[in-house]
Protein backbone atom coordinates (compact mmCIF):
# COMPACT_ATOMS: atom_id res chain seq x y z
CA MET A 1 141.64 160.21 95.90
CA GLN A 2 145.04 160.92 94.38
CA TYR A 3 144.92 164.44 95.82
CA VAL A 4 144.49 163.03 99.33
CA VAL A 5 147.37 160.59 98.91
CA ASN A 6 149.74 163.05 97.23
CA ASN A 7 149.15 165.74 99.85
CA ASP A 8 149.26 163.30 102.79
CA ILE A 9 145.83 164.39 103.99
CA LYS A 10 144.65 162.40 106.99
CA ILE A 11 141.06 161.18 106.94
CA LYS A 12 139.41 160.55 110.28
CA THR A 13 136.72 157.92 110.40
CA ARG A 14 134.98 156.10 113.20
CA LEU A 15 134.91 152.89 111.16
CA GLN A 16 137.56 150.23 111.62
CA PHE A 17 138.28 148.05 108.59
CA ASP A 18 139.88 144.71 107.96
CA LEU A 19 141.00 144.74 104.35
CA VAL A 20 143.84 143.73 102.10
CA LYS A 21 145.12 146.43 99.76
CA SER A 22 147.41 145.92 96.79
CA ASN A 23 150.72 147.78 96.68
CA THR A 24 149.12 150.28 94.31
CA PHE A 25 146.80 151.45 97.09
CA LYS A 26 149.08 150.95 100.11
CA ASP A 27 149.14 154.70 100.90
CA THR A 28 145.41 155.18 100.34
CA PRO A 29 143.34 155.65 103.52
CA ASP A 30 141.21 152.59 104.29
CA LEU A 31 137.89 154.45 103.98
CA LEU A 32 138.74 155.84 100.54
CA TYR A 33 139.95 152.45 99.38
CA ALA A 34 136.75 150.72 100.53
CA LEU A 35 134.58 153.38 98.87
CA ARG A 36 136.55 153.21 95.62
CA MET A 37 136.29 149.42 95.39
CA TYR A 38 132.56 149.52 96.15
CA LEU A 39 131.77 152.34 93.71
CA TYR A 40 133.81 150.79 90.91
CA GLY A 41 132.03 147.48 91.44
CA ASN A 42 135.17 145.49 92.16
CA ILE A 43 133.44 142.38 93.52
CA GLU A 44 136.62 140.55 94.50
CA ALA A 45 137.90 143.48 96.55
CA THR A 46 134.56 144.32 98.17
CA GLN A 47 134.11 140.73 99.32
CA SER A 48 137.42 140.98 101.19
CA ILE A 49 136.49 144.20 103.04
CA THR A 50 135.12 143.76 106.54
CA VAL A 51 133.96 146.53 108.87
CA LEU A 52 135.26 145.50 112.28
CA GLY A 53 133.43 148.10 114.30
CA VAL A 54 132.96 151.71 115.23
CA SER A 55 135.44 153.58 117.40
CA ASP A 56 134.70 156.69 119.45
CA ASP A 57 138.39 157.60 119.84
């Protein structure tokens, strides 16, 4: 994840999220943030993540 943030790599996803990130993760793409919180078992963060929909843009 740090590699993506440090190298300003853009991640394209069809998912649209509604989430609140701390300042520590402000530059982290939404998809990576959601996956990290889920995989680490951060219950508080995962309960605040909502998938709004899928975009075909």
